[in-house]
Amino acid sequence: MNARHDRRYLLDSSKIERELGWTPQIEFEKGIKDTVNWYVGNRTWWEPLRERAMVAESEWQKKN
């Protein structure tokens, strides 16, 4: 199945809006753009974390 058509992951914020009065502060498109730009601009910060996570996952797989 193509991930673009997998509707199980659609976001629905109506419950948090209704029960807590929450509303988004940033439009979705701007938030995604800002997030991608952050990851592009901060690769030296997050890449070592990813590498450690991959090693940890590999070790876990060996044990199980």
N, C-alpha and C. Protein backbone atom coordinates (compact mmCIF):
# COMPACT_ATOMS: atom_id res chain seq x y z
N MET A 1 0.84 -1.19 0.00
CA MET A 1 0.00 0.00 0.00
C MET A 1 0.88 1.24 0.00
N ASN A 2 0.51 2.19 -0.76
CA ASN A 2 1.24 3.45 -0.86
C ASN A 2 0.97 4.28 0.40
N ALA A 3 2.03 4.76 1.04
CA ALA A 3 1.89 5.53 2.29
C ALA A 3 1.02 6.77 2.12
N ARG A 4 1.00 7.33 0.92
CA ARG A 4 0.18 8.52 0.71
C ARG A 4 -1.31 8.22 0.82
N HIS A 5 -1.68 6.97 0.71
CA HIS A 5 -3.09 6.60 0.75
C HIS A 5 -3.47 5.87 2.03
N ASP A 6 -2.58 5.80 2.98
CA ASP A 6 -2.85 5.10 4.22
C ASP A 6 -3.54 6.07 5.18
N ARG A 7 -4.83 5.98 5.26
CA ARG A 7 -5.62 6.94 6.04
C ARG A 7 -5.59 6.65 7.55
N ARG A 8 -4.95 5.57 7.97
CA ARG A 8 -4.86 5.29 9.41
C ARG A 8 -4.08 6.37 10.14
N TYR A 9 -3.27 7.12 9.43
CA TYR A 9 -2.40 8.09 10.07
C TYR A 9 -2.87 9.53 9.90
N LEU A 10 -4.08 9.71 9.43
CA LEU A 10 -4.61 11.07 9.32
C LEU A 10 -4.75 11.67 10.71
N LEU A 11 -4.40 12.92 10.83
CA LEU A 11 -4.50 13.60 12.12
C LEU A 11 -5.88 14.18 12.32
N ASP A 12 -6.39 14.04 13.52
CA ASP A 12 -7.68 14.61 13.88
C ASP A 12 -7.51 15.28 15.24
N SER A 13 -7.51 16.58 15.24
CA SER A 13 -7.29 17.32 16.48
C SER A 13 -8.59 17.74 17.15
N SER A 14 -9.73 17.25 16.68
CA SER A 14 -11.01 17.71 17.21
C SER A 14 -11.17 17.39 18.70
N LYS A 15 -10.68 16.25 19.17
CA LYS A 15 -10.85 15.89 20.58
C LYS A 15 -10.06 16.84 21.49
N ILE A 16 -8.82 17.12 21.15
CA ILE A 16 -8.03 18.02 21.99
C ILE A 16 -8.56 19.45 21.91
N GLU A 17 -9.09 19.82 20.76
CA GLU A 17 -9.72 21.14 20.63
C GLU A 17 -10.96 21.23 21.51
N ARG A 18 -11.78 20.20 21.45
CA ARG A 18 -13.04 20.17 22.18
C ARG A 18 -12.80 20.07 23.69
N GLU A 19 -11.94 19.16 24.12
CA GLU A 19 -11.78 18.89 25.55
C GLU A 19 -10.82 19.84 26.27
N LEU A 20 -9.84 20.36 25.55
CA LEU A 20 -8.85 21.23 26.20
C LEU A 20 -8.82 22.65 25.65
N GLY A 21 -9.59 22.89 24.60
CA GLY A 21 -9.60 24.22 24.01
C GLY A 21 -8.34 24.54 23.23
N TRP A 22 -7.59 23.50 22.86
CA TRP A 22 -6.33 23.69 22.14
C TRP A 22 -6.59 24.10 20.70
N THR A 23 -5.79 25.01 20.21
CA THR A 23 -5.81 25.36 18.78
C THR A 23 -4.36 25.46 18.31
N PRO A 24 -4.11 25.08 17.08
CA PRO A 24 -2.73 25.15 16.57
C PRO A 24 -2.24 26.58 16.50
N GLN A 25 -0.97 26.78 16.79
CA GLN A 25 -0.36 28.10 16.73
C GLN A 25 0.26 28.38 15.36
N ILE A 26 0.57 27.31 14.63
CA ILE A 26 1.26 27.42 13.34
C ILE A 26 0.49 26.60 12.32
N GLU A 27 0.33 27.14 11.12
CA GLU A 27 -0.30 26.39 10.04
C GLU A 27 0.54 25.16 9.73
N PHE A 28 -0.12 24.06 9.37
CA PHE A 28 0.56 22.80 9.13
C PHE A 28 1.68 22.94 8.10
N GLU A 29 1.40 23.57 6.98
CA GLU A 29 2.39 23.69 5.91
C GLU A 29 3.64 24.44 6.38
N LYS A 30 3.44 25.51 7.15
CA LYS A 30 4.58 26.27 7.67
C LYS A 30 5.35 25.43 8.68
N GLY A 31 4.64 24.71 9.52
CA GLY A 31 5.29 23.86 10.52
C GLY A 31 6.15 22.78 9.88
N ILE A 32 5.64 22.15 8.83
CA ILE A 32 6.42 21.12 8.13
C ILE A 32 7.65 21.75 7.49
N LYS A 33 7.46 22.87 6.84
CA LYS A 33 8.59 23.56 6.19
C LYS A 33 9.65 23.93 7.22
N ASP A 34 9.23 24.50 8.35
CA ASP A 34 10.17 24.89 9.40
C ASP A 34 10.90 23.67 9.97
N THR A 35 10.17 22.57 10.14
CA THR A 35 10.77 21.34 10.67
C THR A 35 11.83 20.80 9.73
N VAL A 36 11.49 20.70 8.45
CA VAL A 36 12.46 20.22 7.46
C VAL A 36 13.69 21.13 7.43
N ASN A 37 13.46 22.43 7.44
CA ASN A 37 14.59 23.37 7.43
C ASN A 37 15.47 23.20 8.66
N TRP A 38 14.85 22.93 9.82
CA TRP A 38 15.63 22.72 11.03
C TRP A 38 16.51 21.48 10.89
N TYR A 39 15.93 20.40 10.42
CA TYR A 39 16.72 19.17 10.25
C TYR A 39 17.84 19.35 9.24
N VAL A 40 17.58 20.06 8.16
CA VAL A 40 18.61 20.33 7.16
C VAL A 40 19.73 21.18 7.77
N GLY A 41 19.38 22.17 8.55
CA GLY A 41 20.36 23.08 9.11
C GLY A 41 21.07 22.58 10.36
N ASN A 42 20.58 21.49 10.95
CA ASN A 42 21.15 21.00 12.21
C ASN A 42 21.57 19.54 12.14
N ARG A 43 22.02 19.13 10.98
CA ARG A 43 22.39 17.73 10.76
C ARG A 43 23.46 17.26 11.77
N THR A 44 24.41 18.14 12.10
CA THR A 44 25.47 17.74 13.04
C THR A 44 24.92 17.46 14.44
N TRP A 45 23.77 17.99 14.76
CA TRP A 45 23.15 17.73 16.06
C TRP A 45 22.42 16.40 16.08
N TRP A 46 21.58 16.13 15.05
CA TRP A 46 20.71 14.96 15.10
C TRP A 46 21.32 13.70 14.50
N GLU A 47 22.28 13.83 13.60
CA GLU A 47 22.82 12.63 12.96
C GLU A 47 23.50 11.68 13.95
N PRO A 48 24.30 12.16 14.91
CA PRO A 48 24.87 11.22 15.88
C PRO A 48 23.80 10.50 16.70
N LEU A 49 22.69 11.15 16.97
CA LEU A 49 21.60 10.50 17.70
C LEU A 49 21.02 9.35 16.89
N ARG A 50 20.87 9.57 15.60
CA ARG A 50 20.35 8.53 14.71
C ARG A 50 21.31 7.36 14.67
N GLU A 51 22.59 7.65 14.57
CA GLU A 51 23.59 6.58 14.52
C GLU A 51 23.55 5.74 15.80
N ARG A 52 23.45 6.38 16.95
CA ARG A 52 23.37 5.64 18.22
C ARG A 52 22.12 4.80 18.28
N ALA A 53 21.01 5.35 17.80
CA ALA A 53 19.76 4.60 17.81
C ALA A 53 19.85 3.38 16.91
N MET A 54 20.52 3.51 15.78
CA MET A 54 20.66 2.38 14.87
C MET A 54 21.50 1.27 15.51
N VAL A 55 22.55 1.65 16.22
CA VAL A 55 23.38 0.66 16.90
C VAL A 55 22.58 -0.02 17.99
N ALA A 56 21.85 0.75 18.77
CA ALA A 56 21.04 0.18 19.85
C ALA A 56 20.01 -0.78 19.29
N GLU A 57 19.37 -0.43 18.20
CA GLU A 57 18.38 -1.30 17.59
C GLU A 57 19.03 -2.58 17.10
N SER A 58 20.20 -2.46 16.51
CA SER A 58 20.92 -3.63 16.02
C SER A 58 21.26 -4.57 17.17
N GLU A 59 21.72 -4.03 18.28
CA GLU A 59 22.03 -4.86 19.45
C GLU A 59 20.77 -5.53 20.00
N TRP A 60 19.68 -4.83 20.01
CA TRP A 60 18.41 -5.39 20.49
C TRP A 60 17.98 -6.55 19.60
N GLN A 61 18.13 -6.38 18.29
CA GLN A 61 17.74 -7.44 17.36
C GLN A 61 18.57 -8.69 17.57
N LYS A 62 19.83 -8.54 17.90
CA LYS A 62 20.69 -9.70 18.14
C LYS A 62 20.21 -10.49 19.35
N LYS A 63 19.72 -9.80 20.36
CA LYS A 63 19.28 -10.45 21.59
C LYS A 63 17.92 -11.12 21.45
N ASN A 64 17.13 -10.65 20.51
CA ASN A 64 15.77 -11.19 20.37
C ASN A 64 15.74 -12.01 19.15
